[in-house]
PDB file of N, CA and C in Angstrom:
ATOM      1  N   UNK A   1       6.624 -19.411  13.983  1.00  0.00           N
ATOM      2  CA  UNK A   1       5.557 -18.417  13.911  1.00  0.00           C
ATOM      3  C   UNK A   1       4.417 -19.004  13.102  1.00  0.00           C
ATOM      4  N   UNK A   2       3.214 -18.912  13.633  1.00  0.00           N
ATOM      5  CA  UNK A   2       2.068 -19.473  12.915  1.00  0.00           C
ATOM      6  C   UNK A   2       1.659 -18.572  11.746  1.00  0.00           C
ATOM      7  N   UNK A   3       1.166 -19.209  10.693  1.00  0.00           N
ATOM      8  CA  UNK A   3       0.709 -18.454   9.522  1.00  0.00           C
ATOM      9  C   UNK A   3      -0.458 -17.548   9.879  1.00  0.00           C
ATOM     10  N   UNK A   4      -1.284 -18.005  10.785  1.00  0.00           N
ATOM     11  CA  UNK A   4      -2.447 -17.208  11.182  1.00  0.00           C
ATOM     12  C   UNK A   4      -2.013 -15.894  11.843  1.00  0.00           C
ATOM     13  N   UNK A   5      -1.066 -15.978  12.748  1.00  0.00           N
ATOM     14  CA  UNK A   5      -0.567 -14.758  13.412  1.00  0.00           C
ATOM     15  C   UNK A   5       0.102 -13.832  12.395  1.00  0.00           C
ATOM     16  N   UNK A   6       0.870 -14.421  11.497  1.00  0.00           N
ATOM     17  CA  UNK A   6       1.541 -13.635  10.461  1.00  0.00           C
ATOM     18  C   UNK A   6       0.511 -12.871   9.617  1.00  0.00           C
ATOM     19  N   UNK A   7      -0.563 -13.555   9.197  1.00  0.00           N
ATOM     20  CA  UNK A   7      -1.619 -12.899   8.410  1.00  0.00           C
ATOM     21  C   UNK A   7      -2.306 -11.803   9.214  1.00  0.00           C
ATOM     22  N   UNK A   8      -2.589 -12.058  10.482  1.00  0.00           N
ATOM     23  CA  UNK A   8      -3.263 -11.057  11.316  1.00  0.00           C
ATOM     24  C   UNK A   8      -2.400  -9.817  11.494  1.00  0.00           C
ATOM     25  N   UNK A   9      -1.121 -10.003  11.737  1.00  0.00           N
ATOM     26  CA  UNK A   9      -0.218  -8.852  11.897  1.00  0.00           C
ATOM     27  C   UNK A   9      -0.129  -8.081  10.590  1.00  0.00           C
ATOM     28  N   UNK A  10      -0.031  -8.793   9.461  1.00  0.00           N
ATOM     29  CA  UNK A  10       0.031  -8.117   8.156  1.00  0.00           C
ATOM     30  C   UNK A  10      -1.249  -7.325   7.899  1.00  0.00           C
ATOM     31  N   UNK A  11      -2.402  -7.894   8.226  1.00  0.00           N
ATOM     32  CA  UNK A  11      -3.672  -7.184   8.046  1.00  0.00           C
ATOM     33  C   UNK A  11      -3.748  -5.936   8.915  1.00  0.00           C
ATOM     34  N   UNK A  12      -3.289  -6.032  10.145  1.00  0.00           N
ATOM     35  CA  UNK A  12      -3.294  -4.871  11.032  1.00  0.00           C
ATOM     36  C   UNK A  12      -2.330  -3.792  10.549  1.00  0.00           C
ATOM     37  N   UNK A  13      -1.181  -4.201  10.042  1.00  0.00           N
ATOM     38  CA  UNK A  13      -0.229  -3.233   9.488  1.00  0.00           C
ATOM     39  C   UNK A  13      -0.860  -2.524   8.297  1.00  0.00           C
ATOM     40  N   UNK A  14      -1.508  -3.270   7.424  1.00  0.00           N
ATOM     41  CA  UNK A  14      -2.176  -2.670   6.268  1.00  0.00           C
ATOM     42  C   UNK A  14      -3.249  -1.686   6.727  1.00  0.00           C
ATOM     43  N   UNK A  15      -4.075  -2.102   7.652  1.00  0.00           N
ATOM     44  CA  UNK A  15      -5.176  -1.254   8.126  1.00  0.00           C
ATOM     45  C   UNK A  15      -4.648   0.021   8.787  1.00  0.00           C
ATOM     46  N   UNK A  16      -3.672  -0.135   9.671  1.00  0.00           N
ATOM     47  CA  UNK A  16      -3.170   1.032  10.409  1.00  0.00           C
ATOM     48  C   UNK A  16      -2.401   1.983   9.496  1.00  0.00           C
ATOM     49  N   UNK A  17      -1.601   1.430   8.571  1.00  0.00           N
ATOM     50  CA  UNK A  17      -0.862   2.291   7.641  1.00  0.00           C
ATOM     51  C   UNK A  17      -1.840   3.088   6.791  1.00  0.00           C
ATOM     52  N   UNK A  18      -2.908   2.450   6.349  1.00  0.00           N
ATOM     53  CA  UNK A  18      -3.910   3.135   5.531  1.00  0.00           C
ATOM     54  C   UNK A  18      -4.559   4.284   6.293  1.00  0.00           C
ATOM     55  N   UNK A  19      -4.954   4.026   7.523  1.00  0.00           N
ATOM     56  CA  UNK A  19      -5.594   5.062   8.349  1.00  0.00           C
ATOM     57  C   UNK A  19      -4.617   6.201   8.626  1.00  0.00           C
ATOM     58  N   UNK A  20      -3.384   5.867   8.967  1.00  0.00           N
ATOM     59  CA  UNK A  20      -2.396   6.895   9.293  1.00  0.00           C
ATOM     60  C   UNK A  20      -2.094   7.770   8.086  1.00  0.00           C
ATOM     61  N   UNK A  21      -1.893   7.148   6.926  1.00  0.00           N
ATOM     62  CA  UNK A  21      -1.584   7.919   5.720  1.00  0.00           C
ATOM     63  C   UNK A  21      -2.757   8.817   5.365  1.00  0.00           C
ATOM     64  N   UNK A  22      -3.967   8.299   5.466  1.00  0.00           N
ATOM     65  CA  UNK A  22      -5.162   9.070   5.095  1.00  0.00           C
ATOM     66  C   UNK A  22      -5.442  10.212   6.075  1.00  0.00           C
ATOM     67  N   UNK A  23      -5.331   9.946   7.377  1.00  0.00           N
ATOM     68  CA  UNK A  23      -5.772  10.910   8.376  1.00  0.00           C
ATOM     69  C   UNK A  23      -4.668  11.785   8.969  1.00  0.00           C
ATOM     70  N   UNK A  24      -3.476  11.271   9.075  1.00  0.00           N
ATOM     71  CA  UNK A  24      -2.430  11.974   9.814  1.00  0.00           C
ATOM     72  C   UNK A  24      -1.330  12.572   8.940  1.00  0.00           C
ATOM     73  N   UNK A  25      -0.996  11.914   7.865  1.00  0.00           N
ATOM     74  CA  UNK A  25       0.119  12.347   7.036  1.00  0.00           C
ATOM     75  C   UNK A  25      -0.321  13.508   6.156  1.00  0.00           C
ATOM     76  N   UNK A  26       0.303  14.642   6.313  1.00  0.00           N
ATOM     77  CA  UNK A  26      -0.099  15.857   5.599  1.00  0.00           C
ATOM     78  C   UNK A  26       0.973  16.312   4.622  1.00  0.00           C
ATOM     79  N   UNK A  27       1.430  15.410   3.780  1.00  0.00           N
ATOM     80  CA  UNK A  27       2.443  15.735   2.788  1.00  0.00           C
ATOM     81  C   UNK A  27       1.735  16.040   1.466  1.00  0.00           C
ATOM     82  N   UNK A  28       1.956  17.217   0.889  1.00  0.00           N
ATOM     83  CA  UNK A  28       1.256  17.570  -0.352  1.00  0.00           C
ATOM     84  C   UNK A  28       1.667  16.714  -1.551  1.00  0.00           C
ATOM     85  N   UNK A  29       2.788  16.012  -1.454  1.00  0.00           N
ATOM     86  CA  UNK A  29       3.223  15.156  -2.560  1.00  0.00           C
ATOM     87  C   UNK A  29       2.405  13.874  -2.657  1.00  0.00           C
ATOM     88  N   UNK A  30       1.717  13.537  -1.581  1.00  0.00           N
ATOM     89  CA  UNK A  30       0.945  12.293  -1.576  1.00  0.00           C
ATOM     90  C   UNK A  30      -0.362  12.514  -2.307  1.00  0.00           C
ATOM     91  N   UNK A  31      -0.525  11.767  -3.374  1.00  0.00           N
ATOM     92  CA  UNK A  31      -1.739  11.848  -4.175  1.00  0.00           C
ATOM     93  C   UNK A  31      -2.793  10.890  -3.657  1.00  0.00           C
ATOM     94  N   UNK A  32      -3.732  10.563  -4.526  1.00  0.00           N
ATOM     95  CA  UNK A  32      -4.799   9.638  -4.168  1.00  0.00           C
ATOM     96  C   UNK A  32      -4.226   8.227  -4.203  1.00  0.00           C
ATOM     97  N   UNK A  33      -4.114   7.618  -3.040  1.00  0.00           N
ATOM     98  CA  UNK A  33      -3.523   6.292  -2.980  1.00  0.00           C
ATOM     99  C   UNK A  33      -4.399   5.337  -2.203  1.00  0.00           C
ATOM    100  N   UNK A  34      -4.171   4.064  -2.457  1.00  0.00           N
ATOM    101  CA  UNK A  34      -4.851   2.993  -1.751  1.00  0.00           C
ATOM    102  C   UNK A  34      -3.798   2.015  -1.263  1.00  0.00           C
ATOM    103  N   UNK A  35      -3.884   1.642  -0.002  1.00  0.00           N
ATOM    104  CA  UNK A  35      -3.016   0.598   0.527  1.00  0.00           C
ATOM    105  C   UNK A  35      -3.690  -0.719   0.167  1.00  0.00           C
ATOM    106  N   UNK A  36      -3.078  -1.471  -0.755  1.00  0.00           N
ATOM    107  CA  UNK A  36      -3.727  -2.668  -1.291  1.00  0.00           C
ATOM    108  C   UNK A  36      -3.365  -3.942  -0.555  1.00  0.00           C
ATOM    109  N   UNK A  37      -2.301  -3.918   0.225  1.00  0.00           N
ATOM    110  CA  UNK A  37      -1.930  -5.133   0.939  1.00  0.00           C
ATOM    111  C   UNK A  37      -0.675  -4.930   1.754  1.00  0.00           C
ATOM    112  N   UNK A  38      -0.354  -5.961   2.517  1.00  0.00           N
ATOM    113  CA  UNK A  38       0.874  -5.956   3.302  1.00  0.00           C
ATOM    114  C   UNK A  38       1.337  -7.401   3.473  1.00  0.00           C
ATOM    115  N   UNK A  39       2.617  -7.598   3.431  1.00  0.00           N
ATOM    116  CA  UNK A  39       3.231  -8.900   3.690  1.00  0.00           C
ATOM    117  C   UNK A  39       4.252  -8.727   4.789  1.00  0.00           C
ATOM    118  N   UNK A  40       4.427  -9.767   5.574  1.00  0.00           N
ATOM    119  CA  UNK A  40       5.419  -9.726   6.648  1.00  0.00           C
ATOM    120  C   UNK A  40       6.138 -11.062   6.674  1.00  0.00           C
ATOM    121  N   UNK A  41       7.424 -11.025   7.008  1.00  0.00           N
ATOM    122  CA  UNK A  41       8.173 -12.275   7.037  1.00  0.00           C
ATOM    123  C   UNK A  41       7.842 -13.069   8.302  1.00  0.00           C
ATOM    124  N   UNK A  42       8.360 -14.270   8.377  1.00  0.00           N
ATOM    125  CA  UNK A  42       8.014 -15.197   9.452  1.00  0.00           C
ATOM    126  C   UNK A  42       8.384 -14.736  10.845  1.00  0.00           C
ATOM    127  N   UNK A  43       9.482 -14.004  10.990  1.00  0.00           N
ATOM    128  CA  UNK A  43       9.879 -13.564  12.333  1.00  0.00           C
ATOM    129  C   UNK A  43       9.407 -12.141  12.652  1.00  0.00           C
ATOM    130  N   UNK A  44       8.538 -11.604  11.810  1.00  0.00           N
ATOM    131  CA  UNK A  44       7.898 -10.298  12.027  1.00  0.00           C
ATOM    132  C   UNK A  44       8.888  -9.135  12.112  1.00  0.00           C
ATOM    133  N   UNK A  45       9.976  -9.215  11.360  1.00  0.00           N
ATOM    134  CA  UNK A  45      10.955  -8.128  11.401  1.00  0.00           C
ATOM    135  C   UNK A  45      10.927  -7.249  10.153  1.00  0.00           C
ATOM    136  N   UNK A  46      10.365  -7.749   9.058  1.00  0.00           N
ATOM    137  CA  UNK A  46      10.310  -7.004   7.799  1.00  0.00           C
ATOM    138  C   UNK A  46       8.889  -7.045   7.256  1.00  0.00           C
ATOM    139  N   UNK A  47       8.350  -5.877   6.926  1.00  0.00           N
ATOM    140  CA  UNK A  47       7.017  -5.793   6.344  1.00  0.00           C
ATOM    141  C   UNK A  47       7.089  -4.994   5.047  1.00  0.00           C
ATOM    142  N   UNK A  48       6.316  -5.424   4.068  1.00  0.00           N
ATOM    143  CA  UNK A  48       6.197  -4.716   2.798  1.00  0.00           C
ATOM    144  C   UNK A  48       4.754  -4.264   2.682  1.00  0.00           C
ATOM    145  N   UNK A  49       4.571  -2.960   2.460  1.00  0.00           N
ATOM    146  CA  UNK A  49       3.233  -2.393   2.302  1.00  0.00           C
ATOM    147  C   UNK A  49       3.071  -2.038   0.833  1.00  0.00           C
ATOM    148  N   UNK A  50       2.025  -2.589   0.209  1.00  0.00           N
ATOM    149  CA  UNK A  50       1.767  -2.361  -1.204  1.00  0.00           C
ATOM    150  C   UNK A  50       0.761  -1.229  -1.366  1.00  0.00           C
ATOM    151  N   UNK A  51       1.098  -0.282  -2.235  1.00  0.00           N
ATOM    152  CA  UNK A  51       0.220   0.859  -2.475  1.00  0.00           C
ATOM    153  C   UNK A  51      -0.022   1.035  -3.966  1.00  0.00           C
ATOM    154  N   UNK A  52      -1.208   1.506  -4.284  1.00  0.00           N
ATOM    155  CA  UNK A  52      -1.572   1.843  -5.653  1.00  0.00           C
ATOM    156  C   UNK A  52      -1.891   3.327  -5.670  1.00  0.00           C
ATOM    157  N   UNK A  53      -1.356   4.033  -6.658  1.00  0.00           N
ATOM    158  CA  UNK A  53      -1.510   5.478  -6.734  1.00  0.00           C
ATOM    159  C   UNK A  53      -2.257   5.827  -8.014  1.00  0.00           C
ATOM    160  N   UNK A  54      -3.301   6.621  -7.882  1.00  0.00           N
ATOM    161  CA  UNK A  54      -4.039   7.082  -9.043  1.00  0.00           C
ATOM    162  C   UNK A  54      -3.374   8.348  -9.561  1.00  0.00           C
ATOM    163  N   UNK A  55      -3.034   8.356 -10.844  1.00  0.00           N
ATOM    164  CA  UNK A  55      -2.401   9.530 -11.434  1.00  0.00           C
ATOM    165  C   UNK A  55      -1.331   9.125 -12.422  1.00  0.00           C
ATOM    166  N   UNK A  56      -0.649  10.130 -12.938  1.00  0.00           N
ATOM    167  CA  UNK A  56       0.397   9.855 -13.917  1.00  0.00           C
ATOM    168  C   UNK A  56       1.673   9.390 -13.215  1.00  0.00           C
ATOM    169  N   UNK A  57       2.687   9.099 -14.013  1.00  0.00           N
ATOM    170  CA  UNK A  57       3.919   8.549 -13.469  1.00  0.00           C
ATOM    171  C   UNK A  57       4.616   9.510 -12.501  1.00  0.00           C
ATOM    172  N   UNK A  58       4.573  10.798 -12.778  1.00  0.00           N
ATOM    173  CA  UNK A  58       5.180  11.800 -11.885  1.00  0.00           C
ATOM    174  C   UNK A  58       4.500  11.786 -10.519  1.00  0.00           C
ATOM    175  N   UNK A  59       3.164  11.734 -10.503  1.00  0.00           N
ATOM    176  CA  UNK A  59       2.434  11.688  -9.238  1.00  0.00           C
ATOM    177  C   UNK A  59       2.758  10.408  -8.473  1.00  0.00           C
ATOM    178  N   UNK A  60       2.886   9.301  -9.193  1.00  0.00           N
ATOM    179  CA  UNK A  60       3.231   8.042  -8.555  1.00  0.00           C
ATOM    180  C   UNK A  60       4.615   8.111  -7.908  1.00  0.00           C
ATOM    181  N   UNK A  61       5.571   8.669  -8.638  1.00  0.00           N
ATOM    182  CA  UNK A  61       6.932   8.783  -8.103  1.00  0.00           C
ATOM    183  C   UNK A  61       6.977   9.722  -6.901  1.00  0.00           C
ATOM    184  N   UNK A  62       6.259  10.852  -6.979  1.00  0.00           N
ATOM    185  CA  UNK A  62       6.220  11.793  -5.857  1.00  0.00           C
ATOM    186  C   UNK A  62       5.602  11.152  -4.622  1.00  0.00           C
ATOM    187  N   UNK A  63       4.513  10.414  -4.831  1.00  0.00           N
ATOM    188  CA  UNK A  63       3.843   9.765  -3.707  1.00  0.00           C
ATOM    189  C   UNK A  63       4.746   8.719  -3.073  1.00  0.00           C
ATOM    190  N   UNK A  64       5.407   7.907  -3.890  1.00  0.00           N
ATOM    191  CA  UNK A  64       6.299   6.883  -3.347  1.00  0.00           C
ATOM    192  C   UNK A  64       7.475   7.516  -2.599  1.00  0.00           C
ATOM    193  N   UNK A  65       8.000   8.627  -3.111  1.00  0.00           N
ATOM    194  CA  UNK A  65       9.094   9.328  -2.427  1.00  0.00           C
ATOM    195  C   UNK A  65       8.617   9.877  -1.088  1.00  0.00           C
ATOM    196  N   UNK A  66       7.414  10.429  -1.050  1.00  0.00           N
ATOM    197  CA  UNK A  66       6.873  10.965   0.202  1.00  0.00           C
ATOM    198  C   UNK A  66       6.658   9.847   1.217  1.00  0.00           C
ATOM    199  N   UNK A  67       6.178   8.699   0.763  1.00  0.00           N
ATOM    200  CA  UNK A  67       5.978   7.571   1.679  1.00  0.00           C
ATOM    201  C   UNK A  67       7.302   7.062   2.231  1.00  0.00           C
ATOM    202  N   UNK A  68       8.304   6.986   1.381  1.00  0.00           N
ATOM    203  CA  UNK A  68       9.621   6.541   1.860  1.00  0.00           C
ATOM    204  C   UNK A  68      10.190   7.538   2.862  1.00  0.00           C
ATOM    205  N   UNK A  69       9.933   8.828   2.638  1.00  0.00           N
ATOM    206  CA  UNK A  69      10.397   9.848   3.580  1.00  0.00           C
ATOM    207  C   UNK A  69       9.672   9.806   4.911  1.00  0.00           C
ATOM    208  N   UNK A  70       8.432   9.356   4.894  1.00  0.00           N
ATOM    209  CA  UNK A  70       7.624   9.295   6.123  1.00  0.00           C
ATOM    210  C   UNK A  70       7.651   7.911   6.758  1.00  0.00           C
ATOM    211  N   UNK A  71       8.545   7.063   6.294  1.00  0.00           N
ATOM    212  CA  UNK A  71       8.603   5.689   6.786  1.00  0.00           C
ATOM    213  C   UNK A  71       8.758   5.610   8.304  1.00  0.00           C
ATOM    214  N   UNK A  72       9.586   6.469   8.855  1.00  0.00           N
ATOM    215  CA  UNK A  72       9.793   6.455  10.309  1.00  0.00           C
ATOM    216  C   UNK A  72       8.532   6.803  11.087  1.00  0.00           C
ATOM    217  N   UNK A  73       7.817   7.815  10.609  1.00  0.00           N
ATOM    218  CA  UNK A  73       6.557   8.192  11.270  1.00  0.00           C
ATOM    219  C   UNK A  73       5.530   7.069  11.209  1.00  0.00           C
ATOM    220  N   UNK A  74       5.430   6.440  10.042  1.00  0.00           N
ATOM    221  CA  UNK A  74       4.462   5.368   9.859  1.00  0.00           C
ATOM    222  C   UNK A  74       4.846   4.170  10.725  1.00  0.00           C
ATOM    223  N   UNK A  75       6.136   3.854  10.770  1.00  0.00           N
ATOM    224  CA  UNK A  75       6.605   2.737  11.596  1.00  0.00           C
ATOM    225  C   UNK A  75       6.320   2.996  13.067  1.00  0.00           C
ATOM    226  N   UNK A  76       6.554   4.214  13.520  1.00  0.00           N
ATOM    227  CA  UNK A  76       6.291   4.549  14.925  1.00  0.00           C
ATOM    228  C   UNK A  76       4.808   4.422  15.246  1.00  0.00           C
ATOM    229  N   UNK A  77       3.956   4.901  14.339  1.00  0.00           N
ATOM    230  CA  UNK A  77       2.521   4.789  14.565  1.00  0.00           C
ATOM    231  C   UNK A  77       2.068   3.329  14.600  1.00  0.00           C
ATOM    232  N   UNK A  78       2.597   2.519  13.701  1.00  0.00           N
ATOM    233  CA  UNK A  78       2.260   1.092  13.703  1.00  0.00           C
ATOM    234  C   UNK A  78       2.729   0.453  15.001  1.00  0.00           C
ATOM    235  N   UNK A  79       3.915   0.837  15.469  1.00  0.00           N
ATOM    236  CA  UNK A  79       4.429   0.312  16.725  1.00  0.00           C
ATOM    237  C   UNK A  79       3.570   0.696  17.914  1.00  0.00           C
ATOM    238  N   UNK A  80       3.062   1.925  17.922  1.00  0.00           N
ATOM    239  CA  UNK A  80       2.168   2.354  18.996  1.00  0.00           C
ATOM    240  C   UNK A  80       0.848   1.604  18.943  1.00  0.00           C
ATOM    241  N   UNK A  81       0.399   1.282  17.734  1.00  0.00           N
ATOM    242  CA  UNK A  81      -0.901   0.632  17.541  1.00  0.00           C
ATOM    243  C   UNK A  81      -0.845  -0.859  17.880  1.00  0.00           C
ATOM    244  N   UNK A  82       0.191  -1.539  17.405  1.00  0.00           N
ATOM    245  CA  UNK A  82       0.315  -2.978  17.637  1.00  0.00           C
ATOM    246  C   UNK A  82       0.947  -3.241  18.991  1.00  0.00           C
ATOM    247  N   UNK A  83       0.571  -4.300  19.596  1.00  0.00           N
ATOM    248  CA  UNK A  83       1.194  -4.665  20.872  1.00  0.00           C
ATOM    249  C   UNK A  83       2.083  -5.891  20.652  1.00  0.00           C
ATOM    250  N   UNK A  84       3.194  -5.657  19.925  1.00  0.00           N
ATOM    251  CA  UNK A  84       4.173  -6.712  19.704  1.00  0.00           C
ATOM    252  C   UNK A  84       5.527  -6.208  20.183  1.00  0.00           C
ATOM    253  N   UNK A  85       6.390  -7.153  20.480  1.00  0.00           N
ATOM    254  CA  UNK A  85       7.676  -6.813  21.098  1.00  0.00           C
ATOM    255  C   UNK A  85       8.544  -5.942  20.197  1.00  0.00           C
ATOM    256  N   UNK A  86       8.703  -6.340  18.954  1.00  0.00           N
ATOM    257  CA  UNK A  86       9.515  -5.550  18.033  1.00  0.00           C
ATOM    258  C   UNK A  86       8.656  -5.095  16.864  1.00  0.00           C
ATOM    259  N   UNK A  87       8.858  -3.875  16.460  1.00  0.00           N
ATOM    260  CA  UNK A  87       8.114  -3.313  15.338  1.00  0.00           C
ATOM    261  C   UNK A  87       8.876  -3.651  14.055  1.00  0.00           C
ATOM    262  N   UNK A  88       8.195  -4.218  13.070  1.00  0.00           N
ATOM    263  CA  UNK A  88       8.900  -4.573  11.836  1.00  0.00           C
ATOM    264  C   UNK A  88       9.354  -3.350  11.066  1.00  0.00           C
ATOM    265  N   UNK A  89      10.480  -3.500  10.387  1.00  0.00           N
ATOM    266  CA  UNK A  89      10.942  -2.461   9.478  1.00  0.00           C
ATOM    267  C   UNK A  89      10.027  -2.509   8.261  1.00  0.00           C
ATOM    268  N   UNK A  90       9.606  -1.350   7.773  1.00  0.00           N
ATOM    269  CA  UNK A  90       8.651  -1.338   6.666  1.00  0.00           C
ATOM    270  C   UNK A  90       9.290  -0.815   5.386  1.00  0.00           C
ATOM    271  N   UNK A  91       8.773  -1.308   4.285  1.00  0.00           N
ATOM    272  CA  UNK A  91       9.168  -0.846   2.953  1.00  0.00           C
ATOM    273  C   UNK A  91       7.889  -0.709   2.137  1.00  0.00           C
ATOM    274  N   UNK A  92       7.909   0.189   1.177  1.00  0.00           N
ATOM    275  CA  UNK A  92       6.745   0.408   0.320  1.00  0.00           C
ATOM    276  C   UNK A  92       7.050  -0.088  -1.084  1.00  0.00           C
ATOM    277  N   UNK A  93       6.058  -0.745  -1.689  1.00  0.00           N
ATOM    278  CA  UNK A  93       6.177  -1.190  -3.069  1.00  0.00           C
ATOM    279  C   UNK A  93       4.950  -0.725  -3.823  1.00  0.00           C
ATOM    280  N   UNK A  94       5.183  -0.314  -5.065  1.00  0.00           N
ATOM    281  CA  UNK A  94       4.094   0.126  -5.916  1.00  0.00           C
ATOM    282  C   UNK A  94       3.368  -1.098  -6.451  1.00  0.00           C
ATOM    283  N   UNK A  95       2.050  -1.132  -6.305  1.00  0.00           N
ATOM    284  CA  UNK A  95       1.216  -2.237  -6.760  1.00  0.00           C
ATOM    285  C   UNK A  95       0.519  -1.832  -8.054  1.00  0.00           C
ATOM    286  N   UNK A  96       0.835  -2.515  -9.128  1.00  0.00           N
ATOM    287  CA  UNK A  96       0.282  -2.185 -10.441  1.00  0.00           C
ATOM    288  C   UNK A  96      -1.007  -2.932 -10.743  1.00  0.00           C
ATOM    289  N   UNK A  97      -1.517  -3.748  -9.840  1.00  0.00           N
ATOM    290  CA  UNK A  97      -2.653  -4.613 -10.148  1.00  0.00           C
ATOM    291  C   UNK A  97      -3.915  -3.827 -10.507  1.00  0.00           C
ATOM    292  N   UNK A  98      -4.201  -2.741  -9.828  1.00  0.00           N
ATOM    293  CA  UNK A  98      -5.397  -1.958 -10.134  1.00  0.00           C
ATOM    294  C   UNK A  98      -5.248  -1.301 -11.507  1.00  0.00           C
ATOM    295  N   UNK A  99      -4.074  -0.765 -11.773  1.00  0.00           N
ATOM    296  CA  UNK A  99      -3.805  -0.138 -13.067  1.00  0.00           C
ATOM    297  C   UNK A  99      -3.925  -1.162 -14.195  1.00  0.00           C
ATOM    298  N   UNK A 100      -3.390  -2.357 -13.970  1.00  0.00           N
ATOM    299  CA  UNK A 100      -3.469  -3.425 -14.965  1.00  0.00           C
ATOM    300  C   UNK A 100      -4.919  -3.851 -15.183  1.00  0.00           C
ATOM    301  N   UNK A 101      -5.697  -3.948 -14.122  1.00  0.00           N
ATOM    302  CA  UNK A 101      -7.106  -4.298 -14.232  1.00  0.00           C
ATOM    303  C   UNK A 101      -7.897  -3.264 -15.012  1.00  0.00           C
ATOM    304  N   UNK A 102      -7.605  -1.991 -14.791  1.00  0.00           N
ATOM    305  CA  UNK A 102      -8.275  -0.921 -15.525  1.00  0.00           C
ATOM    306  C   UNK A 102      -7.949  -1.000 -17.009  1.00  0.00           C
ATOM    307  N   UNK A 103      -6.703  -1.291 -17.316  1.00  0.00           N
ATOM    308  CA  UNK A 103      -6.287  -1.410 -18.712  1.00  0.00           C
ATOM    309  C   UNK A 103      -7.001  -2.582 -19.398  1.00  0.00           C
ATOM    310  N   UNK A 104      -7.144  -3.705 -18.708  1.00  0.00           N
ATOM    311  CA  UNK A 104      -7.848  -4.860 -19.266  1.00  0.00           C
ATOM    312  C   UNK A 104      -9.316  -4.536 -19.495  1.00  0.00           C
ATOM    313  N   UNK A 105      -9.942  -3.848 -18.539  1.00  0.00           N
ATOM    314  CA  UNK A 105     -11.348  -3.466 -18.708  1.00  0.00           C
ATOM    315  C   UNK A 105     -11.544  -2.563 -19.920  1.00  0.00           C
ATOM    316  N   UNK A 106     -10.629  -1.621 -20.126  1.00  0.00           N
ATOM    317  CA  UNK A 106     -10.733  -0.741 -21.289  1.00  0.00           C
ATOM    318  C   UNK A 106     -10.590  -1.527 -22.592  1.00  0.00           C
ATOM    319  N   UNK A 107      -9.683  -2.493 -22.614  1.00  0.00           N
ATOM    320  CA  UNK A 107      -9.528  -3.324 -23.801  1.00  0.00           C
ATOM    321  C   UNK A 107     -10.795  -4.129 -24.078  1.00  0.00           C
ATOM    322  N   UNK A 108     -11.384  -4.680 -23.022  1.00  0.00           N
ATOM    323  CA  UNK A 108     -12.620  -5.448 -23.191  1.00  0.00           C
ATOM    324  C   UNK A 108     -13.765  -4.563 -23.675  1.00  0.00           C
ATOM    325  N   UNK A 109     -13.849  -3.348 -23.142  1.00  0.00           N
ATOM    326  CA  UNK A 109     -14.887  -2.422 -23.596  1.00  0.00           C
ATOM    327  C   UNK A 109     -14.686  -2.057 -25.059  1.00  0.00           C
ATOM    328  N   UNK A 110     -13.433  -1.896 -25.476  1.00  0.00           N
ATOM    329  CA  UNK A 110     -13.133  -1.587 -26.874  1.00  0.00           C
ATOM    330  C   UNK A 110     -13.537  -2.737 -27.787  1.00  0.00           C
ATOM    331  N   UNK A 111     -13.259  -3.969 -27.357  1.00  0.00           N
ATOM    332  CA  UNK A 111     -13.648  -5.131 -28.143  1.00  0.00           C
ATOM    333  C   UNK A 111     -15.170  -5.245 -28.241  1.00  0.00           C
ATOM    334  N   UNK A 112     -15.835  -4.971 -27.138  1.00  0.00           N
ATOM    335  CA  UNK A 112     -17.299  -5.017 -27.125  1.00  0.00           C
ATOM    336  C   UNK A 112     -17.879  -3.963 -28.057  1.00  0.00           C
ATOM    337  N   UNK A 113     -17.303  -2.770 -28.075  1.00  0.00           N
ATOM    338  CA  UNK A 113     -17.778  -1.696 -28.953  1.00  0.00           C
ATOM    339  C   UNK A 113     -17.557  -2.075 -30.423  1.00  0.00           C
ATOM    340  N   UNK A 114     -16.409  -2.707 -30.720  1.00  0.00           N
ATOM    341  CA  UNK A 114     -16.139  -3.141 -32.098  1.00  0.00           C
ATOM    342  C   UNK A 114     -17.142  -4.220 -32.517  1.00  0.00           C
ATOM    343  N   UNK A 115     -17.445  -5.110 -31.599  1.00  0.00           N
ATOM    344  CA  UNK A 115     -18.381  -6.199 -31.880  1.00  0.00           C
ATOM    345  C   UNK A 115     -19.788  -5.676 -32.177  1.00  0.00           C
ATOM    346  N   UNK A 116     -20.181  -4.641 -31.449  1.00  0.00           N
ATOM    347  CA  UNK A 116     -21.525  -4.061 -31.644  1.00  0.00           C
ATOM    348  C   UNK A 116     -21.597  -3.247 -32.926  1.00  0.00           C
ATOM    349  N   UNK A 117     -20.480  -2.744 -33.405  1.00  0.00           N
ATOM    350  CA  UNK A 117     -20.465  -1.903 -34.608  1.00  0.00           C
ATOM    351  C   UNK A 117     -20.481  -2.680 -35.890  1.00  0.00           C
TER     352      UNK A 117
END
């Protein structure tokens, strides 16, 4: 399997999952989330979708539980959207990179404020 095809399929999975979750999934447990990326293995059978959730830990856990519960719906939609022979099994992982970046920015702002004082 070429790396280029693997990247293209992962990008399409990310794009379609994001659109489906935003427009079609009507679960009240799902908070404000962003699909930050997707990875797929070489034989296109397993995909990991990375999501970042804005909110406290309870909201994050509720959102991740709702996504895991809707995994079948999301997989079916991705399968309808992509024209590949087998639809990869999907899993969701919480992506802390945005949260970590926000924390670093706050620390830098605090240092800057101390420096100015």
